[in-house]
Amino acid sequence: MQVTPLPDAASFLAAAAPVLERDTGANNLPLGIAQQLVDRPDTYPEAFFWVAADSDRVVGAAMRTPPYPAILADPLSDGVIDAFVAAFVDGQPDLPGITANEPWASRFADAWTAATGAP
């Protein structure tokens, strides 16, 4: 599984649409924050966006506006959790936490702790 960073909120919304729009109620937080950043890019000083793809199919989406935790959309595949943990260990080692629906939040936290030793 490949995790790809995206340059901005508009690219994120376009690329992550298959994941985000599958259940807009469950994914309202990343949808809302990303749309806010499209409308008002200066809302947060920094913003990071990623999608996870299995072959050519996007199956996961995540974003972060430091210093806040990363936000994980409900993934379409269980492998998304491990892919994002691996990407964040390398690219976001100061990650203070994850915001996600259950069971994804617990699965991410368990995998993060296993990979880093941090709670």
PDB file of N, CA and C in Angstrom:
ATOM      1  N   MET A   1       0.844  -1.169   0.000  1.00  0.00           N
ATOM      2  CA  MET A   1       0.000   0.000   0.000  1.00  0.00           C
ATOM      3  C   MET A   1       0.892   1.234   0.000  1.00  0.00           C
ATOM      4  N   GLN A   2       0.521   2.204  -0.791  1.00  0.00           N
ATOM      5  CA  GLN A   2       1.311   3.421  -0.977  1.00  0.00           C
ATOM      6  C   GLN A   2       0.603   4.614  -0.338  1.00  0.00           C
ATOM      7  N   VAL A   3       1.300   5.358   0.530  1.00  0.00           N
ATOM      8  CA  VAL A   3       0.782   6.600   1.096  1.00  0.00           C
ATOM      9  C   VAL A   3       1.428   7.754   0.341  1.00  0.00           C
ATOM     10  N   THR A   4       0.583   8.639  -0.177  1.00  0.00           N
ATOM     11  CA  THR A   4       1.051   9.754  -0.988  1.00  0.00           C
ATOM     12  C   THR A   4       0.643  11.078  -0.345  1.00  0.00           C
ATOM     13  N   PRO A   5       1.613  11.974  -0.122  1.00  0.00           N
ATOM     14  CA  PRO A   5       1.251  13.299   0.375  1.00  0.00           C
ATOM     15  C   PRO A   5       0.644  14.128  -0.761  1.00  0.00           C
ATOM     16  N   LEU A   6      -0.248  15.020  -0.398  1.00  0.00           N
ATOM     17  CA  LEU A   6      -0.892  15.900  -1.371  1.00  0.00           C
ATOM     18  C   LEU A   6      -0.578  17.344  -1.004  1.00  0.00           C
ATOM     19  N   PRO A   7      -0.529  18.229  -2.004  1.00  0.00           N
ATOM     20  CA  PRO A   7      -0.054  19.590  -1.748  1.00  0.00           C
ATOM     21  C   PRO A   7      -1.041  20.530  -1.059  1.00  0.00           C
ATOM     22  N   ASP A   8      -2.340  20.255  -1.169  1.00  0.00           N
ATOM     23  CA  ASP A   8      -3.299  21.213  -0.620  1.00  0.00           C
ATOM     24  C   ASP A   8      -4.663  20.554  -0.413  1.00  0.00           C
ATOM     25  N   ALA A   9      -5.554  21.315   0.200  1.00  0.00           N
ATOM     26  CA  ALA A   9      -6.872  20.797   0.554  1.00  0.00           C
ATOM     27  C   ALA A   9      -7.706  20.439  -0.670  1.00  0.00           C
ATOM     28  N   ALA A  10      -7.622  21.233  -1.718  1.00  0.00           N
ATOM     29  CA  ALA A  10      -8.404  20.934  -2.926  1.00  0.00           C
ATOM     30  C   ALA A  10      -7.964  19.610  -3.549  1.00  0.00           C
ATOM     31  N   SER A  11      -6.662  19.376  -3.606  1.00  0.00           N
ATOM     32  CA  SER A  11      -6.148  18.107  -4.130  1.00  0.00           C
ATOM     33  C   SER A  11      -6.582  16.940  -3.249  1.00  0.00           C
ATOM     34  N   PHE A  12      -6.560  17.177  -1.944  1.00  0.00           N
ATOM     35  CA  PHE A  12      -6.988  16.155  -0.996  1.00  0.00           C
ATOM     36  C   PHE A  12      -8.457  15.793  -1.205  1.00  0.00           C
ATOM     37  N   LEU A  13      -9.321  16.783  -1.273  1.00  0.00           N
ATOM     38  CA  LEU A  13     -10.744  16.509  -1.464  1.00  0.00           C
ATOM     39  C   LEU A  13     -11.009  15.752  -2.758  1.00  0.00           C
ATOM     40  N   ALA A  14     -10.286  16.091  -3.813  1.00  0.00           N
ATOM     41  CA  ALA A  14     -10.469  15.402  -5.092  1.00  0.00           C
ATOM     42  C   ALA A  14      -9.961  13.965  -5.027  1.00  0.00           C
ATOM     43  N   ALA A  15      -8.748  13.789  -4.516  1.00  0.00           N
ATOM     44  CA  ALA A  15      -8.144  12.452  -4.495  1.00  0.00           C
ATOM     45  C   ALA A  15      -8.819  11.533  -3.477  1.00  0.00           C
ATOM     46  N   ALA A  16      -9.240  12.085  -2.347  1.00  0.00           N
ATOM     47  CA  ALA A  16      -9.811  11.282  -1.270  1.00  0.00           C
ATOM     48  C   ALA A  16     -11.314  11.099  -1.390  1.00  0.00           C
ATOM     49  N   ALA A  17     -11.922  11.629  -2.417  1.00  0.00           N
ATOM     50  CA  ALA A  17     -13.384  11.563  -2.570  1.00  0.00           C
ATOM     51  C   ALA A  17     -13.954  10.153  -2.413  1.00  0.00           C
ATOM     52  N   PRO A  18     -13.347   9.114  -2.992  1.00  0.00           N
ATOM     53  CA  PRO A  18     -13.926   7.772  -2.822  1.00  0.00           C
ATOM     54  C   PRO A  18     -14.034   7.336  -1.356  1.00  0.00           C
ATOM     55  N   VAL A  19     -13.117   7.799  -0.531  1.00  0.00           N
ATOM     56  CA  VAL A  19     -13.128   7.448   0.883  1.00  0.00           C
ATOM     57  C   VAL A  19     -14.054   8.381   1.657  1.00  0.00           C
ATOM     58  N   LEU A  20     -13.853   9.667   1.484  1.00  0.00           N
ATOM     59  CA  LEU A  20     -14.600  10.662   2.257  1.00  0.00           C
ATOM     60  C   LEU A  20     -16.098  10.639   1.967  1.00  0.00           C
ATOM     61  N   GLU A  21     -16.459  10.469   0.712  1.00  0.00           N
ATOM     62  CA  GLU A  21     -17.862  10.555   0.319  1.00  0.00           C
ATOM     63  C   GLU A  21     -18.624   9.240   0.480  1.00  0.00           C
ATOM     64  N   ARG A  22     -17.924   8.167   0.814  1.00  0.00           N
ATOM     65  CA  ARG A  22     -18.602   6.892   1.043  1.00  0.00           C
ATOM     66  C   ARG A  22     -19.551   7.007   2.222  1.00  0.00           C
ATOM     67  N   ASP A  23     -19.138   7.768   3.251  1.00  0.00           N
ATOM     68  CA  ASP A  23     -19.991   8.003   4.422  1.00  0.00           C
ATOM     69  C   ASP A  23     -19.679   9.410   4.924  1.00  0.00           C
ATOM     70  N   THR A  24     -20.409  10.393   4.401  1.00  0.00           N
ATOM     71  CA  THR A  24     -20.119  11.791   4.740  1.00  0.00           C
ATOM     72  C   THR A  24     -20.383  12.092   6.210  1.00  0.00           C
ATOM     73  N   GLY A  25     -21.314  11.383   6.826  1.00  0.00           N
ATOM     74  CA  GLY A  25     -21.558  11.583   8.254  1.00  0.00           C
ATOM     75  C   GLY A  25     -20.374  11.146   9.093  1.00  0.00           C
ATOM     76  N   ALA A  26     -19.833   9.988   8.793  1.00  0.00           N
ATOM     77  CA  ALA A  26     -18.685   9.468   9.535  1.00  0.00           C
ATOM     78  C   ALA A  26     -17.420  10.284   9.268  1.00  0.00           C
ATOM     79  N   ASN A  27     -17.345  10.881   8.096  1.00  0.00           N
ATOM     80  CA  ASN A  27     -16.140  11.609   7.693  1.00  0.00           C
ATOM     81  C   ASN A  27     -16.347  13.123   7.676  1.00  0.00           C
ATOM     82  N   ASN A  28     -17.311  13.605   8.459  1.00  0.00           N
ATOM     83  CA  ASN A  28     -17.623  15.029   8.415  1.00  0.00           C
ATOM     84  C   ASN A  28     -16.481  15.912   8.905  1.00  0.00           C
ATOM     85  N   LEU A  29     -15.667  15.448   9.841  1.00  0.00           N
ATOM     86  CA  LEU A  29     -14.570  16.280  10.334  1.00  0.00           C
ATOM     87  C   LEU A  29     -13.513  16.539   9.256  1.00  0.00           C
ATOM     88  N   PRO A  30     -12.941  15.509   8.615  1.00  0.00           N
ATOM     89  CA  PRO A  30     -11.967  15.819   7.559  1.00  0.00           C
ATOM     90  C   PRO A  30     -12.598  16.555   6.377  1.00  0.00           C
ATOM     91  N   LEU A  31     -13.835  16.232   6.049  1.00  0.00           N
ATOM     92  CA  LEU A  31     -14.509  16.960   4.964  1.00  0.00           C
ATOM     93  C   LEU A  31     -14.657  18.437   5.310  1.00  0.00           C
ATOM     94  N   GLY A  32     -15.108  18.722   6.519  1.00  0.00           N
ATOM     95  CA  GLY A  32     -15.334  20.102   6.916  1.00  0.00           C
ATOM     96  C   GLY A  32     -14.056  20.914   7.014  1.00  0.00           C
ATOM     97  N   ILE A  33     -13.035  20.357   7.625  1.00  0.00           N
ATOM     98  CA  ILE A  33     -11.771  21.090   7.766  1.00  0.00           C
ATOM     99  C   ILE A  33     -11.119  21.304   6.408  1.00  0.00           C
ATOM    100  N   ALA A  34     -11.125  20.284   5.560  1.00  0.00           N
ATOM    101  CA  ALA A  34     -10.531  20.440   4.229  1.00  0.00           C
ATOM    102  C   ALA A  34     -11.277  21.499   3.419  1.00  0.00           C
ATOM    103  N   GLN A  35     -12.606  21.488   3.480  1.00  0.00           N
ATOM    104  CA  GLN A  35     -13.363  22.504   2.739  1.00  0.00           C
ATOM    105  C   GLN A  35     -13.091  23.900   3.296  1.00  0.00           C
ATOM    106  N   GLN A  36     -12.957  24.004   4.610  1.00  0.00           N
ATOM    107  CA  GLN A  36     -12.627  25.293   5.208  1.00  0.00           C
ATOM    108  C   GLN A  36     -11.280  25.788   4.686  1.00  0.00           C
ATOM    109  N   LEU A  37     -10.318  24.875   4.529  1.00  0.00           N
ATOM    110  CA  LEU A  37      -9.002  25.264   4.016  1.00  0.00           C
ATOM    111  C   LEU A  37      -9.040  25.619   2.532  1.00  0.00           C
ATOM    112  N   VAL A  38      -9.964  25.048   1.790  1.00  0.00           N
ATOM    113  CA  VAL A  38     -10.140  25.465   0.392  1.00  0.00           C
ATOM    114  C   VAL A  38     -10.691  26.884   0.366  1.00  0.00           C
ATOM    115  N   ASP A  39     -11.703  27.135   1.198  1.00  0.00           N
ATOM    116  CA  ASP A  39     -12.355  28.440   1.217  1.00  0.00           C
ATOM    117  C   ASP A  39     -11.497  29.527   1.855  1.00  0.00           C
ATOM    118  N   ARG A  40     -10.764  29.162   2.908  1.00  0.00           N
ATOM    119  CA  ARG A  40      -9.932  30.123   3.639  1.00  0.00           C
ATOM    120  C   ARG A  40      -8.590  29.472   3.964  1.00  0.00           C
ATOM    121  N   PRO A  41      -7.670  29.464   3.017  1.00  0.00           N
ATOM    122  CA  PRO A  41      -6.397  28.745   3.193  1.00  0.00           C
ATOM    123  C   PRO A  41      -5.562  29.205   4.376  1.00  0.00           C
ATOM    124  N   ASP A  42      -5.807  30.401   4.885  1.00  0.00           N
ATOM    125  CA  ASP A  42      -5.007  30.900   5.999  1.00  0.00           C
ATOM    126  C   ASP A  42      -5.586  30.523   7.369  1.00  0.00           C
ATOM    127  N   THR A  43      -6.584  29.646   7.408  1.00  0.00           N
ATOM    128  CA  THR A  43      -7.198  29.230   8.670  1.00  0.00           C
ATOM    129  C   THR A  43      -6.172  28.590   9.602  1.00  0.00           C
ATOM    130  N   TYR A  44      -5.303  27.760   9.059  1.00  0.00           N
ATOM    131  CA  TYR A  44      -4.257  27.106   9.836  1.00  0.00           C
ATOM    132  C   TYR A  44      -2.910  27.447   9.202  1.00  0.00           C
ATOM    133  N   PRO A  45      -1.870  27.675  10.031  1.00  0.00           N
ATOM    134  CA  PRO A  45      -0.560  28.003   9.461  1.00  0.00           C
ATOM    135  C   PRO A  45       0.045  26.875   8.634  1.00  0.00           C
ATOM    136  N   GLU A  46      -0.268  25.629   9.023  1.00  0.00           N
ATOM    137  CA  GLU A  46       0.231  24.457   8.297  1.00  0.00           C
ATOM    138  C   GLU A  46      -0.899  23.455   8.155  1.00  0.00           C
ATOM    139  N   ALA A  47      -0.854  22.711   7.064  1.00  0.00           N
ATOM    140  CA  ALA A  47      -1.804  21.619   6.872  1.00  0.00           C
ATOM    141  C   ALA A  47      -1.134  20.561   5.999  1.00  0.00           C
ATOM    142  N   PHE A  48      -1.334  19.310   6.375  1.00  0.00           N
ATOM    143  CA  PHE A  48      -0.764  18.178   5.647  1.00  0.00           C
ATOM    144  C   PHE A  48      -1.891  17.233   5.261  1.00  0.00           C
ATOM    145  N   PHE A  49      -1.768  16.647   4.076  1.00  0.00           N
ATOM    146  CA  PHE A  49      -2.812  15.773   3.538  1.00  0.00           C
ATOM    147  C   PHE A  49      -2.170  14.543   2.916  1.00  0.00           C
ATOM    148  N   TRP A  50      -2.831  13.384   3.094  1.00  0.00           N
ATOM    149  CA  TRP A  50      -2.339  12.133   2.520  1.00  0.00           C
ATOM    150  C   TRP A  50      -3.495  11.268   2.049  1.00  0.00           C
ATOM    151  N   VAL A  51      -3.225  10.462   1.046  1.00  0.00           N
ATOM    152  CA  VAL A  51      -4.129   9.375   0.682  1.00  0.00           C
ATOM    153  C   VAL A  51      -3.319   8.088   0.649  1.00  0.00           C
ATOM    154  N   ALA A  52      -3.999   6.999   0.930  1.00  0.00           N
ATOM    155  CA  ALA A  52      -3.394   5.668   0.845  1.00  0.00           C
ATOM    156  C   ALA A  52      -4.084   4.934  -0.294  1.00  0.00           C
ATOM    157  N   ALA A  53      -3.285   4.307  -1.159  1.00  0.00           N
ATOM    158  CA  ALA A  53      -3.845   3.591  -2.302  1.00  0.00           C
ATOM    159  C   ALA A  53      -3.326   2.168  -2.333  1.00  0.00           C
ATOM    160  N   ASP A  54      -4.225   1.281  -2.695  1.00  0.00           N
ATOM    161  CA  ASP A  54      -3.902  -0.119  -2.914  1.00  0.00           C
ATOM    162  C   ASP A  54      -4.023  -0.321  -4.411  1.00  0.00           C
ATOM    163  N   SER A  55      -2.894  -0.500  -5.074  1.00  0.00           N
ATOM    164  CA  SER A  55      -2.819  -0.451  -6.539  1.00  0.00           C
ATOM    165  C   SER A  55      -3.242   0.953  -6.951  1.00  0.00           C
ATOM    166  N   ASP A  56      -4.270   1.091  -7.755  1.00  0.00           N
ATOM    167  CA  ASP A  56      -4.717   2.422  -8.181  1.00  0.00           C
ATOM    168  C   ASP A  56      -5.966   2.882  -7.440  1.00  0.00           C
ATOM    169  N   ARG A  57      -6.401   2.147  -6.453  1.00  0.00           N
ATOM    170  CA  ARG A  57      -7.639   2.462  -5.732  1.00  0.00           C
ATOM    171  C   ARG A  57      -7.334   3.165  -4.409  1.00  0.00           C
ATOM    172  N   VAL A  58      -7.851   4.374  -4.224  1.00  0.00           N
ATOM    173  CA  VAL A  58      -7.676   5.102  -2.973  1.00  0.00           C
ATOM    174  C   VAL A  58      -8.558   4.448  -1.919  1.00  0.00           C
ATOM    175  N   VAL A  59      -7.923   4.038  -0.806  1.00  0.00           N
ATOM    176  CA  VAL A  59      -8.637   3.317   0.251  1.00  0.00           C
ATOM    177  C   VAL A  59      -8.492   3.983   1.616  1.00  0.00           C
ATOM    178  N   GLY A  60      -7.748   5.081   1.685  1.00  0.00           N
ATOM    179  CA  GLY A  60      -7.566   5.763   2.953  1.00  0.00           C
ATOM    180  C   GLY A  60      -7.246   7.227   2.753  1.00  0.00           C
ATOM    181  N   ALA A  61      -7.574   8.032   3.769  1.00  0.00           N
ATOM    182  CA  ALA A  61      -7.310   9.468   3.716  1.00  0.00           C
ATOM    183  C   ALA A  61      -7.027   9.971   5.122  1.00  0.00           C
ATOM    184  N   ALA A  62      -6.052  10.864   5.223  1.00  0.00           N
ATOM    185  CA  ALA A  62      -5.699  11.454   6.511  1.00  0.00           C
ATOM    186  C   ALA A  62      -5.226  12.879   6.282  1.00  0.00           C
ATOM    187  N   MET A  63      -5.346  13.673   7.342  1.00  0.00           N
ATOM    188  CA  MET A  63      -4.877  15.049   7.284  1.00  0.00           C
ATOM    189  C   MET A  63      -4.409  15.470   8.665  1.00  0.00           C
ATOM    190  N   ARG A  64      -3.663  16.581   8.709  1.00  0.00           N
ATOM    191  CA  ARG A  64      -3.212  17.111   9.993  1.00  0.00           C
ATOM    192  C   ARG A  64      -2.996  18.606   9.870  1.00  0.00           C
ATOM    193  N   THR A  65      -3.438  19.320  10.885  1.00  0.00           N
ATOM    194  CA  THR A  65      -3.177  20.749  11.021  1.00  0.00           C
ATOM    195  C   THR A  65      -2.456  20.934  12.361  1.00  0.00           C
ATOM    196  N   PRO A  66      -1.107  20.862  12.346  1.00  0.00           N
ATOM    197  CA  PRO A  66      -0.347  20.971  13.590  1.00  0.00           C
ATOM    198  C   PRO A  66      -0.702  22.258  14.344  1.00  0.00           C
ATOM    199  N   PRO A  67      -0.738  22.176  15.646  1.00  0.00           N
ATOM    200  CA  PRO A  67      -0.220  21.136  16.534  1.00  0.00           C
ATOM    201  C   PRO A  67      -1.240  20.048  16.857  1.00  0.00           C
ATOM    202  N   TYR A  68      -2.354  20.029  16.160  1.00  0.00           N
ATOM    203  CA  TYR A  68      -3.436  19.086  16.468  1.00  0.00           C
ATOM    204  C   TYR A  68      -3.118  17.679  15.976  1.00  0.00           C
ATOM    205  N   PRO A  69      -3.815  16.682  16.527  1.00  0.00           N
ATOM    206  CA  PRO A  69      -3.615  15.299  16.075  1.00  0.00           C
ATOM    207  C   PRO A  69      -3.997  15.133  14.598  1.00  0.00           C
ATOM    208  N   ALA A  70      -3.524  14.062  14.021  1.00  0.00           N
ATOM    209  CA  ALA A  70      -3.939  13.712  12.662  1.00  0.00           C
ATOM    210  C   ALA A  70      -5.395  13.263  12.703  1.00  0.00           C
ATOM    211  N   ILE A  71      -6.077  13.436  11.591  1.00  0.00           N
ATOM    212  CA  ILE A  71      -7.465  13.003  11.443  1.00  0.00           C
ATOM    213  C   ILE A  71      -7.482  11.918  10.386  1.00  0.00           C
ATOM    214  N   LEU A  72      -8.044  10.788  10.738  1.00  0.00           N
ATOM    215  CA  LEU A  72      -8.118   9.648   9.835  1.00  0.00           C
ATOM    216  C   LEU A  72      -9.561   9.421   9.432  1.00  0.00           C
ATOM    217  N   ALA A  73      -9.833   9.446   8.129  1.00  0.00           N
ATOM    218  CA  ALA A  73     -11.170   9.122   7.633  1.00  0.00           C
ATOM    219  C   ALA A  73     -11.389   7.614   7.763  1.00  0.00           C
ATOM    220  N   ASP A  74     -12.646   7.200   7.815  1.00  0.00           N
ATOM    221  CA  ASP A  74     -12.944   5.771   7.871  1.00  0.00           C
ATOM    222  C   ASP A  74     -12.368   5.097   6.623  1.00  0.00           C
ATOM    223  N   PRO A  75     -11.400   4.203   6.794  1.00  0.00           N
ATOM    224  CA  PRO A  75     -10.745   3.587   5.643  1.00  0.00           C
ATOM    225  C   PRO A  75     -11.607   2.520   4.975  1.00  0.00           C
ATOM    226  N   LEU A  76     -11.248   2.203   3.744  1.00  0.00           N
ATOM    227  CA  LEU A  76     -11.936   1.164   2.988  1.00  0.00           C
ATOM    228  C   LEU A  76     -11.204  -0.171   3.069  1.00  0.00           C
ATOM    229  N   SER A  77     -10.073  -0.201   3.794  1.00  0.00           N
ATOM    230  CA  SER A  77      -9.263  -1.410   3.909  1.00  0.00           C
ATOM    231  C   SER A  77      -8.550  -1.411   5.254  1.00  0.00           C
ATOM    232  N   ASP A  78      -8.436  -2.577   5.882  1.00  0.00           N
ATOM    233  CA  ASP A  78      -7.730  -2.674   7.154  1.00  0.00           C
ATOM    234  C   ASP A  78      -6.252  -2.305   7.039  1.00  0.00           C
ATOM    235  N   GLY A  79      -5.633  -2.526   5.905  1.00  0.00           N
ATOM    236  CA  GLY A  79      -4.219  -2.241   5.721  1.00  0.00           C
ATOM    237  C   GLY A  79      -3.869  -0.767   5.774  1.00  0.00           C
ATOM    238  N   VAL A  80      -4.862   0.087   5.702  1.00  0.00           N
ATOM    239  CA  VAL A  80      -4.631   1.534   5.731  1.00  0.00           C
ATOM    240  C   VAL A  80      -3.977   1.959   7.043  1.00  0.00           C
ATOM    241  N   ILE A  81      -4.387   1.370   8.135  1.00  0.00           N
ATOM    242  CA  ILE A  81      -3.854   1.759   9.443  1.00  0.00           C
ATOM    243  C   ILE A  81      -2.339   1.573   9.477  1.00  0.00           C
ATOM    244  N   ASP A  82      -1.872   0.400   9.110  1.00  0.00           N
ATOM    245  CA  ASP A  82      -0.426   0.141   9.123  1.00  0.00           C
ATOM    246  C   ASP A  82       0.318   1.043   8.150  1.00  0.00           C
ATOM    247  N   ALA A  83      -0.280   1.332   7.006  1.00  0.00           N
ATOM    248  CA  ALA A  83       0.363   2.206   6.021  1.00  0.00           C
ATOM    249  C   ALA A  83       0.530   3.622   6.569  1.00  0.00           C
ATOM    250  N   PHE A  84      -0.516   4.144   7.208  1.00  0.00           N
ATOM    251  CA  PHE A  84      -0.407   5.493   7.768  1.00  0.00           C
ATOM    252  C   PHE A  84       0.536   5.529   8.970  1.00  0.00           C
ATOM    253  N   VAL A  85       0.515   4.523   9.809  1.00  0.00           N
ATOM    254  CA  VAL A  85       1.458   4.484  10.934  1.00  0.00           C
ATOM    255  C   VAL A  85       2.885   4.534  10.405  1.00  0.00           C
ATOM    256  N   ALA A  86       3.203   3.717   9.421  1.00  0.00           N
ATOM    257  CA  ALA A  86       4.554   3.708   8.853  1.00  0.00           C
ATOM    258  C   ALA A  86       4.917   5.067   8.257  1.00  0.00           C
ATOM    259  N   ALA A  87       3.990   5.680   7.542  1.00  0.00           N
ATOM    260  CA  ALA A  87       4.254   6.993   6.938  1.00  0.00           C
ATOM    261  C   ALA A  87       4.443   8.062   8.004  1.00  0.00           C
ATOM    262  N   PHE A  88       3.647   8.021   9.073  1.00  0.00           N
ATOM    263  CA  PHE A  88       3.732   9.036  10.108  1.00  0.00           C
ATOM    264  C   PHE A  88       4.955   8.851  10.999  1.00  0.00           C
ATOM    265  N   VAL A  89       5.386   7.613  11.220  1.00  0.00           N
ATOM    266  CA  VAL A  89       6.611   7.392  11.987  1.00  0.00           C
ATOM    267  C   VAL A  89       7.763   8.110  11.300  1.00  0.00           C
ATOM    268  N   ASP A  90       7.800   8.061   9.970  1.00  0.00           N
ATOM    269  CA  ASP A  90       8.867   8.720   9.215  1.00  0.00           C
ATOM    270  C   ASP A  90       8.620  10.222   9.038  1.00  0.00           C
ATOM    271  N   GLY A  91       7.382  10.608   8.713  1.00  0.00           N
ATOM    272  CA  GLY A  91       7.117  11.992   8.328  1.00  0.00           C
ATOM    273  C   GLY A  91       6.476  12.871   9.375  1.00  0.00           C
ATOM    274  N   GLN A  92       5.899  12.290  10.420  1.00  0.00           N
ATOM    275  CA  GLN A  92       5.230  13.059  11.475  1.00  0.00           C
ATOM    276  C   GLN A  92       5.584  12.475  12.843  1.00  0.00           C
ATOM    277  N   PRO A  93       6.874  12.367  13.159  1.00  0.00           N
ATOM    278  CA  PRO A  93       7.260  11.689  14.400  1.00  0.00           C
ATOM    279  C   PRO A  93       6.771  12.392  15.664  1.00  0.00           C
ATOM    280  N   ASP A  94       6.395  13.666  15.553  1.00  0.00           N
ATOM    281  CA  ASP A  94       5.892  14.406  16.709  1.00  0.00           C
ATOM    282  C   ASP A  94       4.378  14.306  16.848  1.00  0.00           C
ATOM    283  N   LEU A  95       3.778  13.382  16.139  1.00  0.00           N
ATOM    284  CA  LEU A  95       2.325  13.227  16.142  1.00  0.00           C
ATOM    285  C   LEU A  95       1.808  13.086  17.579  1.00  0.00           C
ATOM    286  N   PRO A  96       0.923  14.014  18.006  1.00  0.00           N
ATOM    287  CA  PRO A  96       0.442  13.942  19.384  1.00  0.00           C
ATOM    288  C   PRO A  96      -0.734  12.983  19.585  1.00  0.00           C
ATOM    289  N   GLY A  97      -1.308  12.504  18.498  1.00  0.00           N
ATOM    290  CA  GLY A  97      -2.438  11.597  18.619  1.00  0.00           C
ATOM    291  C   GLY A  97      -3.169  11.459  17.302  1.00  0.00           C
ATOM    292  N   ILE A  98      -4.285  10.760  17.366  1.00  0.00           N
ATOM    293  CA  ILE A  98      -5.105  10.516  16.178  1.00  0.00           C
ATOM    294  C   ILE A  98      -6.560  10.809  16.536  1.00  0.00           C
ATOM    295  N   THR A  99      -7.269  11.408  15.621  1.00  0.00           N
ATOM    296  CA  THR A  99      -8.710  11.586  15.751  1.00  0.00           C
ATOM    297  C   THR A  99      -9.343  10.735  14.665  1.00  0.00           C
ATOM    298  N   ALA A 100     -10.152   9.781  15.081  1.00  0.00           N
ATOM    299  CA  ALA A 100     -10.795   8.872  14.141  1.00  0.00           C
ATOM    300  C   ALA A 100     -11.981   8.213  14.828  1.00  0.00           C
ATOM    301  N   ASN A 101     -12.851   7.660  14.043  1.00  0.00           N
ATOM    302  CA  ASN A 101     -13.955   6.880  14.576  1.00  0.00           C
ATOM    303  C   ASN A 101     -13.431   5.527  15.047  1.00  0.00           C
ATOM    304  N   GLU A 102     -14.184   4.902  15.929  1.00  0.00           N
ATOM    305  CA  GLU A 102     -13.844   3.543  16.352  1.00  0.00           C
ATOM    306  C   GLU A 102     -14.328   2.558  15.292  1.00  0.00           C
ATOM    307  N   PRO A 103     -13.621   1.496  15.051  1.00  0.00           N
ATOM    308  CA  PRO A 103     -12.484   0.968  15.792  1.00  0.00           C
ATOM    309  C   PRO A 103     -11.145   1.496  15.291  1.00  0.00           C
ATOM    310  N   TRP A 104     -11.176   2.401  14.327  1.00  0.00           N
ATOM    311  CA  TRP A 104      -9.947   2.850  13.664  1.00  0.00           C
ATOM    312  C   TRP A 104      -9.016   3.592  14.607  1.00  0.00           C
ATOM    313  N   ALA A 105      -9.560   4.415  15.504  1.00  0.00           N
ATOM    314  CA  ALA A 105      -8.714   5.150  16.440  1.00  0.00           C
ATOM    315  C   ALA A 105      -7.932   4.187  17.335  1.00  0.00           C
ATOM    316  N   SER A 106      -8.595   3.191  17.868  1.00  0.00           N
ATOM    317  CA  SER A 106      -7.917   2.219  18.736  1.00  0.00           C
ATOM    318  C   SER A 106      -6.898   1.398  17.965  1.00  0.00           C
ATOM    319  N   ARG A 107      -7.242   1.015  16.762  1.00  0.00           N
ATOM    320  CA  ARG A 107      -6.295   0.236  15.950  1.00  0.00           C
ATOM    321  C   ARG A 107      -5.058   1.060  15.620  1.00  0.00           C
ATOM    322  N   PHE A 108      -5.268   2.344  15.283  1.00  0.00           N
ATOM    323  CA  PHE A 108      -4.133   3.212  14.996  1.00  0.00           C
ATOM    324  C   PHE A 108      -3.272   3.370  16.252  1.00  0.00           C
ATOM    325  N   ALA A 109      -3.909   3.647  17.399  1.00  0.00           N
ATOM    326  CA  ALA A 109      -3.159   3.838  18.646  1.00  0.00           C
ATOM    327  C   ALA A 109      -2.344   2.598  18.987  1.00  0.00           C
ATOM    328  N   ASP A 110      -2.925   1.422  18.842  1.00  0.00           N
ATOM    329  CA  ASP A 110      -2.196   0.182  19.126  1.00  0.00           C
ATOM    330  C   ASP A 110      -1.003   0.013  18.181  1.00  0.00           C
ATOM    331  N   ALA A 111      -1.215   0.285  16.905  1.00  0.00           N
ATOM    332  CA  ALA A 111      -0.127   0.136  15.923  1.00  0.00           C
ATOM    333  C   ALA A 111       0.955   1.186  16.147  1.00  0.00           C
ATOM    334  N   TRP A 112       0.546   2.418  16.520  1.00  0.00           N
ATOM    335  CA  TRP A 112       1.520   3.483  16.799  1.00  0.00           C
ATOM    336  C   TRP A 112       2.394   3.104  17.994  1.00  0.00           C
ATOM    337  N   THR A 113       1.760   2.615  19.043  1.00  0.00           N
ATOM    338  CA  THR A 113       2.503   2.210  20.231  1.00  0.00           C
ATOM    339  C   THR A 113       3.451   1.062  19.918  1.00  0.00           C
ATOM    340  N   ALA A 114       2.994   0.111  19.121  1.00  0.00           N
ATOM    341  CA  ALA A 114       3.863  -1.008  18.739  1.00  0.00           C
ATOM    342  C   ALA A 114       5.065  -0.535  17.913  1.00  0.00           C
ATOM    343  N   ALA A 115       4.840   0.466  17.050  1.00  0.00           N
ATOM    344  CA  ALA A 115       5.905   0.942  16.165  1.00  0.00           C
ATOM    345  C   ALA A 115       6.877   1.896  16.861  1.00  0.00           C
ATOM    346  N   THR A 116       6.369   2.669  17.822  1.00  0.00           N
ATOM    347  CA  THR A 116       7.211   3.736  18.411  1.00  0.00           C
ATOM    348  C   THR A 116       7.519   3.549  19.890  1.00  0.00           C
ATOM    349  N   GLY A 117       6.704   2.745  20.562  1.00  0.00           N
ATOM    350  CA  GLY A 117       6.834   2.620  22.010  1.00  0.00           C
ATOM    351  C   GLY A 117       6.151   3.752  22.765  1.00  0.00           C
ATOM    352  N   ALA A 118       5.624   4.742  22.025  1.00  0.00           N
ATOM    353  CA  ALA A 118       4.929   5.872  22.653  1.00  0.00           C
ATOM    354  C   ALA A 118       3.434   5.565  22.765  1.00  0.00           C
ATOM    355  N   PRO A 119       2.819   6.038  23.838  1.00  0.00           N
ATOM    356  CA  PRO A 119       1.359   5.791  23.980  1.00  0.00           C
ATOM    357  C   PRO A 119       0.559   6.673  23.018  1.00  0.00           C
TER     358      PRO A 119
END
